[in-house]
Amino acid sequence: MTRSICAVVAVLILLAGVCLAADKVSDDTLYNQVLLKLAGDPVVKGGALKVEVKNGVVTLSGTVDEQRQKDKATKLTKKVKGVRQVVNNIEIKKSTDQ
């Protein structure tokens, strides 16, 4: 009886792992989806931003004019299905006004 229960639990764990793996989106797909979201947004205007993806972790870099653009880039990236984490290394351009 104990062996049967252990066998059932092992099968359930295995099935859960297979189901989770099936939902995983490839890094290449995430890369393309994030780039499209950023480039198409009128606030971010993200065509010049750099995007790197590794195991669902997206790293953003480059420069923008305002803090709100940096914040929106993070928000848009987090909305992409399959993104596990966002590392935002985007820098704000320094103003040349003195």
PDB file of N, CA and C in Angstrom:
ATOM      1  N   MET A   1       0.819  -1.194   0.000  1.00  0.00           N
ATOM      2  CA  MET A   1       0.000   0.000   0.000  1.00  0.00           C
ATOM      3  C   MET A   1       0.864   1.260   0.000  1.00  0.00           C
ATOM      4  N   THR A   2       1.885   1.287   0.834  1.00  0.00           N
ATOM      5  CA  THR A   2       2.770   2.441   0.889  1.00  0.00           C
ATOM      6  C   THR A   2       3.500   2.628  -0.441  1.00  0.00           C
ATOM      7  N   ARG A   3       3.900   1.529  -1.060  1.00  0.00           N
ATOM      8  CA  ARG A   3       4.570   1.607  -2.362  1.00  0.00           C
ATOM      9  C   ARG A   3       3.641   2.192  -3.413  1.00  0.00           C
ATOM     10  N   SER A   4       2.387   1.819  -3.360  1.00  0.00           N
ATOM     11  CA  SER A   4       1.406   2.328  -4.320  1.00  0.00           C
ATOM     12  C   SER A   4       1.235   3.837  -4.174  1.00  0.00           C
ATOM     13  N   ILE A   5       1.156   4.274  -2.952  1.00  0.00           N
ATOM     14  CA  ILE A   5       1.003   5.708  -2.693  1.00  0.00           C
ATOM     15  C   ILE A   5       2.246   6.458  -3.171  1.00  0.00           C
ATOM     16  N   CYS A   6       3.408   5.933  -2.870  1.00  0.00           N
ATOM     17  CA  CYS A   6       4.658   6.567  -3.314  1.00  0.00           C
ATOM     18  C   CYS A   6       4.731   6.609  -4.837  1.00  0.00           C
ATOM     19  N   ALA A   7       4.303   5.531  -5.482  1.00  0.00           N
ATOM     20  CA  ALA A   7       4.326   5.485  -6.945  1.00  0.00           C
ATOM     21  C   ALA A   7       3.379   6.532  -7.531  1.00  0.00           C
ATOM     22  N   VAL A   8       2.202   6.664  -6.957  1.00  0.00           N
ATOM     23  CA  VAL A   8       1.235   7.648  -7.434  1.00  0.00           C
ATOM     24  C   VAL A   8       1.782   9.063  -7.243  1.00  0.00           C
ATOM     25  N   VAL A   9       2.356   9.335  -6.102  1.00  0.00           N
ATOM     26  CA  VAL A   9       2.934  10.652  -5.829  1.00  0.00           C
ATOM     27  C   VAL A   9       4.068  10.946  -6.814  1.00  0.00           C
ATOM     28  N   ALA A  10       4.914   9.964  -7.075  1.00  0.00           N
ATOM     29  CA  ALA A  10       6.016  10.152  -8.020  1.00  0.00           C
ATOM     30  C   ALA A  10       5.488  10.465  -9.417  1.00  0.00           C
ATOM     31  N   VAL A  11       4.456   9.774  -9.844  1.00  0.00           N
ATOM     32  CA  VAL A  11       3.858  10.024 -11.163  1.00  0.00           C
ATOM     33  C   VAL A  11       3.262  11.430 -11.215  1.00  0.00           C
ATOM     34  N   LEU A  12       2.580  11.836 -10.164  1.00  0.00           N
ATOM     35  CA  LEU A  12       1.990  13.175 -10.127  1.00  0.00           C
ATOM     36  C   LEU A  12       3.060  14.263 -10.194  1.00  0.00           C
ATOM     37  N   ILE A  13       4.144  14.070  -9.491  1.00  0.00           N
ATOM     38  CA  ILE A  13       5.248  15.035  -9.531  1.00  0.00           C
ATOM     39  C   ILE A  13       5.837  15.100 -10.930  1.00  0.00           C
ATOM     40  N   LEU A  14       6.009  13.960 -11.553  1.00  0.00           N
ATOM     41  CA  LEU A  14       6.542  13.903 -12.912  1.00  0.00           C
ATOM     42  C   LEU A  14       5.612  14.611 -13.890  1.00  0.00           C
ATOM     43  N   LEU A  15       4.315  14.369 -13.777  1.00  0.00           N
ATOM     44  CA  LEU A  15       3.343  15.024 -14.652  1.00  0.00           C
ATOM     45  C   LEU A  15       3.328  16.537 -14.440  1.00  0.00           C
ATOM     46  N   ALA A  16       3.434  16.964 -13.198  1.00  0.00           N
ATOM     47  CA  ALA A  16       3.464  18.402 -12.917  1.00  0.00           C
ATOM     48  C   ALA A  16       4.674  19.047 -13.574  1.00  0.00           C
ATOM     49  N   GLY A  17       5.816  18.392 -13.523  1.00  0.00           N
ATOM     50  CA  GLY A  17       7.023  18.907 -14.172  1.00  0.00           C
ATOM     51  C   GLY A  17       6.873  19.004 -15.671  1.00  0.00           C
ATOM     52  N   VAL A  18       6.245  18.024 -16.277  1.00  0.00           N
ATOM     53  CA  VAL A  18       6.011  18.039 -17.728  1.00  0.00           C
ATOM     54  C   VAL A  18       5.070  19.181 -18.092  1.00  0.00           C
ATOM     55  N   CYS A  19       4.035  19.384 -17.309  1.00  0.00           N
ATOM     56  CA  CYS A  19       3.088  20.471 -17.584  1.00  0.00           C
ATOM     57  C   CYS A  19       3.763  21.833 -17.464  1.00  0.00           C
ATOM     58  N   LEU A  20       4.583  22.008 -16.459  1.00  0.00           N
ATOM     59  CA  LEU A  20       5.297  23.276 -16.290  1.00  0.00           C
ATOM     60  C   LEU A  20       6.262  23.514 -17.439  1.00  0.00           C
ATOM     61  N   ALA A  21       6.944  22.481 -17.880  1.00  0.00           N
ATOM     62  CA  ALA A  21       7.885  22.612 -18.986  1.00  0.00           C
ATOM     63  C   ALA A  21       7.157  22.968 -20.276  1.00  0.00           C
ATOM     64  N   ALA A  22       5.948  22.476 -20.448  1.00  0.00           N
ATOM     65  CA  ALA A  22       5.176  22.766 -21.658  1.00  0.00           C
ATOM     66  C   ALA A  22       4.774  24.234 -21.727  1.00  0.00           C
ATOM     67  N   ASP A  23       4.609  24.890 -20.574  1.00  0.00           N
ATOM     68  CA  ASP A  23       4.236  26.299 -20.538  1.00  0.00           C
ATOM     69  C   ASP A  23       5.430  27.233 -20.732  1.00  0.00           C
ATOM     70  N   LYS A  24       6.623  26.717 -20.689  1.00  0.00           N
ATOM     71  CA  LYS A  24       7.818  27.546 -20.786  1.00  0.00           C
ATOM     72  C   LYS A  24       7.957  28.101 -22.199  1.00  0.00           C
ATOM     73  N   VAL A  25       8.232  29.389 -22.284  1.00  0.00           N
ATOM     74  CA  VAL A  25       8.417  30.067 -23.556  1.00  0.00           C
ATOM     75  C   VAL A  25       9.912  30.179 -23.797  1.00  0.00           C
ATOM     76  N   SER A  26      10.338  29.982 -25.040  1.00  0.00           N
ATOM     77  CA  SER A  26      11.766  30.040 -25.339  1.00  0.00           C
ATOM     78  C   SER A  26      12.292  31.460 -25.169  1.00  0.00           C
ATOM     79  N   ASP A  27      13.575  31.556 -24.879  1.00  0.00           N
ATOM     80  CA  ASP A  27      14.216  32.856 -24.722  1.00  0.00           C
ATOM     81  C   ASP A  27      14.143  33.667 -26.015  1.00  0.00           C
ATOM     82  N   ASP A  28      14.262  33.006 -27.159  1.00  0.00           N
ATOM     83  CA  ASP A  28      14.169  33.711 -28.441  1.00  0.00           C
ATOM     84  C   ASP A  28      12.795  34.337 -28.630  1.00  0.00           C
ATOM     85  N   THR A  29      11.764  33.602 -28.252  1.00  0.00           N
ATOM     86  CA  THR A  29      10.398  34.125 -28.356  1.00  0.00           C
ATOM     87  C   THR A  29      10.210  35.306 -27.414  1.00  0.00           C
ATOM     88  N   LEU A  30      10.703  35.169 -26.191  1.00  0.00           N
ATOM     89  CA  LEU A  30      10.609  36.277 -25.227  1.00  0.00           C
ATOM     90  C   LEU A  30      11.335  37.511 -25.748  1.00  0.00           C
ATOM     91  N   TYR A  31      12.516  37.300 -26.302  1.00  0.00           N
ATOM     92  CA  TYR A  31      13.314  38.401 -26.850  1.00  0.00           C
ATOM     93  C   TYR A  31      12.493  39.174 -27.888  1.00  0.00           C
ATOM     94  N   ASN A  32      11.913  38.446 -28.830  1.00  0.00           N
ATOM     95  CA  ASN A  32      11.132  39.086 -29.894  1.00  0.00           C
ATOM     96  C   ASN A  32       9.900  39.798 -29.356  1.00  0.00           C
ATOM     97  N   GLN A  33       9.199  39.174 -28.419  1.00  0.00           N
ATOM     98  CA  GLN A  33       7.995  39.772 -27.862  1.00  0.00           C
ATOM     99  C   GLN A  33       8.299  41.037 -27.068  1.00  0.00           C
ATOM    100  N   VAL A  34       9.387  41.005 -26.296  1.00  0.00           N
ATOM    101  CA  VAL A  34       9.768  42.188 -25.512  1.00  0.00           C
ATOM    102  C   VAL A  34      10.171  43.321 -26.448  1.00  0.00           C
ATOM    103  N   LEU A  35      10.977  43.017 -27.464  1.00  0.00           N
ATOM    104  CA  LEU A  35      11.384  44.059 -28.417  1.00  0.00           C
ATOM    105  C   LEU A  35      10.167  44.711 -29.080  1.00  0.00           C
ATOM    106  N   LEU A  36       9.205  43.900 -29.491  1.00  0.00           N
ATOM    107  CA  LEU A  36       8.002  44.440 -30.123  1.00  0.00           C
ATOM    108  C   LEU A  36       7.224  45.344 -29.174  1.00  0.00           C
ATOM    109  N   LYS A  37       7.073  44.910 -27.932  1.00  0.00           N
ATOM    110  CA  LYS A  37       6.346  45.716 -26.940  1.00  0.00           C
ATOM    111  C   LYS A  37       7.037  47.063 -26.713  1.00  0.00           C
ATOM    112  N   LEU A  38       8.355  47.027 -26.540  1.00  0.00           N
ATOM    113  CA  LEU A  38       9.095  48.256 -26.250  1.00  0.00           C
ATOM    114  C   LEU A  38       9.112  49.195 -27.450  1.00  0.00           C
ATOM    115  N   ALA A  39       9.352  48.670 -28.632  1.00  0.00           N
ATOM    116  CA  ALA A  39       9.435  49.501 -29.837  1.00  0.00           C
ATOM    117  C   ALA A  39       8.083  50.106 -30.198  1.00  0.00           C
ATOM    118  N   GLY A  40       7.000  49.389 -29.880  1.00  0.00           N
ATOM    119  CA  GLY A  40       5.677  49.867 -30.239  1.00  0.00           C
ATOM    120  C   GLY A  40       5.046  50.815 -29.237  1.00  0.00           C
ATOM    121  N   ASP A  41       5.686  51.020 -28.106  1.00  0.00           N
ATOM    122  CA  ASP A  41       5.097  51.872 -27.078  1.00  0.00           C
ATOM    123  C   ASP A  41       5.467  53.336 -27.316  1.00  0.00           C
ATOM    124  N   PRO A  42       4.476  54.247 -27.328  1.00  0.00           N
ATOM    125  CA  PRO A  42       4.756  55.656 -27.597  1.00  0.00           C
ATOM    126  C   PRO A  42       5.536  56.366 -26.480  1.00  0.00           C
ATOM    127  N   VAL A  43       5.475  55.848 -25.267  1.00  0.00           N
ATOM    128  CA  VAL A  43       6.227  56.453 -24.160  1.00  0.00           C
ATOM    129  C   VAL A  43       7.670  55.981 -24.177  1.00  0.00           C
ATOM    130  N   VAL A  44       7.868  54.679 -24.282  1.00  0.00           N
ATOM    131  CA  VAL A  44       9.215  54.101 -24.208  1.00  0.00           C
ATOM    132  C   VAL A  44      10.007  54.389 -25.477  1.00  0.00           C
ATOM    133  N   LYS A  45       9.364  54.249 -26.624  1.00  0.00           N
ATOM    134  CA  LYS A  45      10.063  54.408 -27.908  1.00  0.00           C
ATOM    135  C   LYS A  45      11.332  53.570 -27.874  1.00  0.00           C
ATOM    136  N   GLY A  46      11.163  52.268 -27.584  1.00  0.00           N
ATOM    137  CA  GLY A  46      12.272  51.397 -27.230  1.00  0.00           C
ATOM    138  C   GLY A  46      13.078  50.795 -28.346  1.00  0.00           C
ATOM    139  N   GLY A  47      13.036  51.348 -29.554  1.00  0.00           N
ATOM    140  CA  GLY A  47      13.783  50.768 -30.649  1.00  0.00           C
ATOM    141  C   GLY A  47      15.281  50.715 -30.419  1.00  0.00           C
ATOM    142  N   ALA A  48      15.805  51.634 -29.607  1.00  0.00           N
ATOM    143  CA  ALA A  48      17.250  51.687 -29.379  1.00  0.00           C
ATOM    144  C   ALA A  48      17.680  50.963 -28.105  1.00  0.00           C
ATOM    145  N   LEU A  49      16.743  50.379 -27.391  1.00  0.00           N
ATOM    146  CA  LEU A  49      17.095  49.673 -26.158  1.00  0.00           C
ATOM    147  C   LEU A  49      17.616  48.284 -26.484  1.00  0.00           C
ATOM    148  N   LYS A  50      18.504  47.808 -25.643  1.00  0.00           N
ATOM    149  CA  LYS A  50      19.074  46.464 -25.813  1.00  0.00           C
ATOM    150  C   LYS A  50      18.336  45.511 -24.873  1.00  0.00           C
ATOM    151  N   VAL A  51      18.019  44.335 -25.403  1.00  0.00           N
ATOM    152  CA  VAL A  51      17.300  43.315 -24.633  1.00  0.00           C
ATOM    153  C   VAL A  51      18.110  42.031 -24.655  1.00  0.00           C
ATOM    154  N   GLU A  52      18.321  41.451 -23.488  1.00  0.00           N
ATOM    155  CA  GLU A  52      18.966  40.145 -23.377  1.00  0.00           C
ATOM    156  C   GLU A  52      18.053  39.246 -22.549  1.00  0.00           C
ATOM    157  N   VAL A  53      17.969  37.972 -22.945  1.00  0.00           N
ATOM    158  CA  VAL A  53      17.104  37.031 -22.231  1.00  0.00           C
ATOM    159  C   VAL A  53      17.880  35.757 -21.955  1.00  0.00           C
ATOM    160  N   LYS A  54      17.828  35.313 -20.712  1.00  0.00           N
ATOM    161  CA  LYS A  54      18.457  34.046 -20.335  1.00  0.00           C
ATOM    162  C   LYS A  54      17.565  33.363 -19.312  1.00  0.00           C
ATOM    163  N   ASN A  55      17.054  32.194 -19.680  1.00  0.00           N
ATOM    164  CA  ASN A  55      16.184  31.406 -18.800  1.00  0.00           C
ATOM    165  C   ASN A  55      15.001  32.213 -18.269  1.00  0.00           C
ATOM    166  N   GLY A  56      14.424  33.038 -19.140  1.00  0.00           N
ATOM    167  CA  GLY A  56      13.252  33.811 -18.759  1.00  0.00           C
ATOM    168  C   GLY A  56      13.541  35.094 -18.007  1.00  0.00           C
ATOM    169  N   VAL A  57      14.807  35.381 -17.733  1.00  0.00           N
ATOM    170  CA  VAL A  57      15.193  36.621 -17.066  1.00  0.00           C
ATOM    171  C   VAL A  57      15.594  37.619 -18.144  1.00  0.00           C
ATOM    172  N   VAL A  58      14.881  38.728 -18.206  1.00  0.00           N
ATOM    173  CA  VAL A  58      15.116  39.738 -19.235  1.00  0.00           C
ATOM    174  C   VAL A  58      15.925  40.884 -18.634  1.00  0.00           C
ATOM    175  N   THR A  59      17.031  41.220 -19.309  1.00  0.00           N
ATOM    176  CA  THR A  59      17.855  42.355 -18.902  1.00  0.00           C
ATOM    177  C   THR A  59      17.720  43.447 -19.948  1.00  0.00           C
ATOM    178  N   LEU A  60      17.321  44.633 -19.497  1.00  0.00           N
ATOM    179  CA  LEU A  60      17.163  45.788 -20.370  1.00  0.00           C
ATOM    180  C   LEU A  60      18.326  46.737 -20.158  1.00  0.00           C
ATOM    181  N   SER A  61      18.840  47.295 -21.249  1.00  0.00           N
ATOM    182  CA  SER A  61      19.902  48.288 -21.132  1.00  0.00           C
ATOM    183  C   SER A  61      19.770  49.309 -22.252  1.00  0.00           C
ATOM    184  N   GLY A  62      20.528  50.372 -22.144  1.00  0.00           N
ATOM    185  CA  GLY A  62      20.466  51.481 -23.088  1.00  0.00           C
ATOM    186  C   GLY A  62      20.174  52.761 -22.333  1.00  0.00           C
ATOM    187  N   THR A  63      19.765  53.784 -23.060  1.00  0.00           N
ATOM    188  CA  THR A  63      19.465  55.062 -22.416  1.00  0.00           C
ATOM    189  C   THR A  63      18.121  55.598 -22.888  1.00  0.00           C
ATOM    190  N   VAL A  64      17.461  56.304 -21.996  1.00  0.00           N
ATOM    191  CA  VAL A  64      16.199  56.990 -22.292  1.00  0.00           C
ATOM    192  C   VAL A  64      16.297  58.407 -21.740  1.00  0.00           C
ATOM    193  N   ASP A  65      15.346  59.251 -22.122  1.00  0.00           N
ATOM    194  CA  ASP A  65      15.367  60.654 -21.691  1.00  0.00           C
ATOM    195  C   ASP A  65      14.793  60.867 -20.297  1.00  0.00           C
ATOM    196  N   GLU A  66      13.808  60.038 -19.914  1.00  0.00           N
ATOM    197  CA  GLU A  66      13.081  60.285 -18.676  1.00  0.00           C
ATOM    198  C   GLU A  66      12.907  59.021 -17.843  1.00  0.00           C
ATOM    199  N   GLN A  67      12.741  59.217 -16.544  1.00  0.00           N
ATOM    200  CA  GLN A  67      12.506  58.103 -15.622  1.00  0.00           C
ATOM    201  C   GLN A  67      11.239  57.335 -15.983  1.00  0.00           C
ATOM    202  N   ARG A  68      10.206  58.045 -16.428  1.00  0.00           N
ATOM    203  CA  ARG A  68       8.948  57.366 -16.755  1.00  0.00           C
ATOM    204  C   ARG A  68       9.118  56.378 -17.903  1.00  0.00           C
ATOM    205  N   GLN A  69      10.055  56.640 -18.814  1.00  0.00           N
ATOM    206  CA  GLN A  69      10.320  55.698 -19.904  1.00  0.00           C
ATOM    207  C   GLN A  69      10.964  54.427 -19.352  1.00  0.00           C
ATOM    208  N   LYS A  70      11.877  54.586 -18.422  1.00  0.00           N
ATOM    209  CA  LYS A  70      12.542  53.439 -17.794  1.00  0.00           C
ATOM    210  C   LYS A  70      11.520  52.588 -17.031  1.00  0.00           C
ATOM    211  N   ASP A  71      10.672  53.254 -16.269  1.00  0.00           N
ATOM    212  CA  ASP A  71       9.656  52.546 -15.487  1.00  0.00           C
ATOM    213  C   ASP A  71       8.660  51.815 -16.391  1.00  0.00           C
ATOM    214  N   LYS A  72       8.247  52.461 -17.470  1.00  0.00           N
ATOM    215  CA  LYS A  72       7.280  51.847 -18.396  1.00  0.00           C
ATOM    216  C   LYS A  72       7.908  50.643 -19.092  1.00  0.00           C
ATOM    217  N   ALA A  73       9.207  50.713 -19.394  1.00  0.00           N
ATOM    218  CA  ALA A  73       9.895  49.582 -20.027  1.00  0.00           C
ATOM    219  C   ALA A  73       9.833  48.354 -19.127  1.00  0.00           C
ATOM    220  N   THR A  74      10.046  48.546 -17.833  1.00  0.00           N
ATOM    221  CA  THR A  74       9.947  47.439 -16.885  1.00  0.00           C
ATOM    222  C   THR A  74       8.528  46.890 -16.851  1.00  0.00           C
ATOM    223  N   LYS A  75       7.559  47.778 -16.765  1.00  0.00           N
ATOM    224  CA  LYS A  75       6.157  47.373 -16.680  1.00  0.00           C
ATOM    225  C   LYS A  75       5.732  46.577 -17.918  1.00  0.00           C
ATOM    226  N   LEU A  76       6.098  47.050 -19.103  1.00  0.00           N
ATOM    227  CA  LEU A  76       5.743  46.358 -20.342  1.00  0.00           C
ATOM    228  C   LEU A  76       6.402  44.986 -20.425  1.00  0.00           C
ATOM    229  N   THR A  77       7.657  44.920 -20.020  1.00  0.00           N
ATOM    230  CA  THR A  77       8.399  43.660 -20.092  1.00  0.00           C
ATOM    231  C   THR A  77       7.807  42.622 -19.150  1.00  0.00           C
ATOM    232  N   LYS A  78       7.415  43.037 -17.961  1.00  0.00           N
ATOM    233  CA  LYS A  78       6.818  42.111 -16.995  1.00  0.00           C
ATOM    234  C   LYS A  78       5.499  41.525 -17.501  1.00  0.00           C
ATOM    235  N   LYS A  79       4.816  42.241 -18.391  1.00  0.00           N
ATOM    236  CA  LYS A  79       3.534  41.773 -18.912  1.00  0.00           C
ATOM    237  C   LYS A  79       3.675  40.680 -19.970  1.00  0.00           C
ATOM    238  N   VAL A  80       4.879  40.487 -20.499  1.00  0.00           N
ATOM    239  CA  VAL A  80       5.078  39.465 -21.521  1.00  0.00           C
ATOM    240  C   VAL A  80       5.020  38.093 -20.863  1.00  0.00           C
ATOM    241  N   LYS A  81       4.156  37.231 -21.382  1.00  0.00           N
ATOM    242  CA  LYS A  81       3.981  35.896 -20.809  1.00  0.00           C
ATOM    243  C   LYS A  81       5.276  35.099 -20.933  1.00  0.00           C
ATOM    244  N   GLY A  82       5.732  34.555 -19.800  1.00  0.00           N
ATOM    245  CA  GLY A  82       6.946  33.756 -19.776  1.00  0.00           C
ATOM    246  C   GLY A  82       8.128  34.468 -19.153  1.00  0.00           C
ATOM    247  N   VAL A  83       8.029  35.793 -18.992  1.00  0.00           N
ATOM    248  CA  VAL A  83       9.110  36.547 -18.348  1.00  0.00           C
ATOM    249  C   VAL A  83       9.061  36.256 -16.857  1.00  0.00           C
ATOM    250  N   ARG A  84      10.181  35.762 -16.334  1.00  0.00           N
ATOM    251  CA  ARG A  84      10.250  35.418 -14.909  1.00  0.00           C
ATOM    252  C   ARG A  84      10.723  36.583 -14.063  1.00  0.00           C
ATOM    253  N   GLN A  85      11.616  37.393 -14.622  1.00  0.00           N
ATOM    254  CA  GLN A  85      12.203  38.497 -13.868  1.00  0.00           C
ATOM    255  C   GLN A  85      12.706  39.540 -14.857  1.00  0.00           C
ATOM    256  N   VAL A  86      12.718  40.810 -14.436  1.00  0.00           N
ATOM    257  CA  VAL A  86      13.239  41.888 -15.267  1.00  0.00           C
ATOM    258  C   VAL A  86      14.359  42.587 -14.504  1.00  0.00           C
ATOM    259  N   VAL A  87      15.510  42.707 -15.154  1.00  0.00           N
ATOM    260  CA  VAL A  87      16.632  43.471 -14.613  1.00  0.00           C
ATOM    261  C   VAL A  87      16.737  44.716 -15.483  1.00  0.00           C
ATOM    262  N   ASN A  88      16.447  45.865 -14.902  1.00  0.00           N
ATOM    263  CA  ASN A  88      16.426  47.097 -15.687  1.00  0.00           C
ATOM    264  C   ASN A  88      17.709  47.888 -15.445  1.00  0.00           C
ATOM    265  N   ASN A  89      18.617  47.824 -16.432  1.00  0.00           N
ATOM    266  CA  ASN A  89      19.871  48.575 -16.378  1.00  0.00           C
ATOM    267  C   ASN A  89      19.823  49.796 -17.289  1.00  0.00           C
ATOM    268  N   ILE A  90      18.631  50.229 -17.658  1.00  0.00           N
ATOM    269  CA  ILE A  90      18.484  51.405 -18.512  1.00  0.00           C
ATOM    270  C   ILE A  90      18.928  52.636 -17.734  1.00  0.00           C
ATOM    271  N   GLU A  91      19.672  53.483 -18.416  1.00  0.00           N
ATOM    272  CA  GLU A  91      20.152  54.717 -17.793  1.00  0.00           C
ATOM    273  C   GLU A  91      19.370  55.909 -18.323  1.00  0.00           C
ATOM    274  N   ILE A  92      19.240  56.927 -17.464  1.00  0.00           N
ATOM    275  CA  ILE A  92      18.583  58.178 -17.846  1.00  0.00           C
ATOM    276  C   ILE A  92      19.673  59.114 -18.371  1.00  0.00           C
ATOM    277  N   LYS A  93      19.431  59.691 -19.557  1.00  0.00           N
ATOM    278  CA  LYS A  93      20.401  60.638 -20.120  1.00  0.00           C
ATOM    279  C   LYS A  93      20.566  61.810 -19.186  1.00  0.00           C
ATOM    280  N   LYS A  94      21.778  62.213 -19.021  1.00  0.00           N
ATOM    281  CA  LYS A  94      22.056  63.387 -18.188  1.00  0.00           C
ATOM    282  C   LYS A  94      21.722  64.635 -18.991  1.00  0.00           C
ATOM    283  N   SER A  95      21.060  65.559 -18.348  1.00  0.00           N
ATOM    284  CA  SER A  95      20.693  66.807 -18.990  1.00  0.00           C
ATOM    285  C   SER A  95      21.929  67.669 -19.203  1.00  0.00           C
ATOM    286  N   THR A  96      22.006  68.305 -20.360  1.00  0.00           N
ATOM    287  CA  THR A  96      23.158  69.185 -20.638  1.00  0.00           C
ATOM    288  C   THR A  96      22.846  70.622 -20.282  1.00  0.00           C
ATOM    289  N   ASP A  97      21.617  70.857 -19.770  1.00  0.00           N
ATOM    290  CA  ASP A  97      21.254  72.218 -19.349  1.00  0.00           C
ATOM    291  C   ASP A  97      21.997  72.584 -18.070  1.00  0.00           C
ATOM    292  N   GLN A  98      22.503  73.806 -18.031  1.00  0.00           N
ATOM    293  CA  GLN A  98      23.210  74.242 -16.812  1.00  0.00           C
ATOM    294  C   GLN A  98      22.780  75.615 -16.424  1.00  0.00           C
TER     295      GLN A  98
END
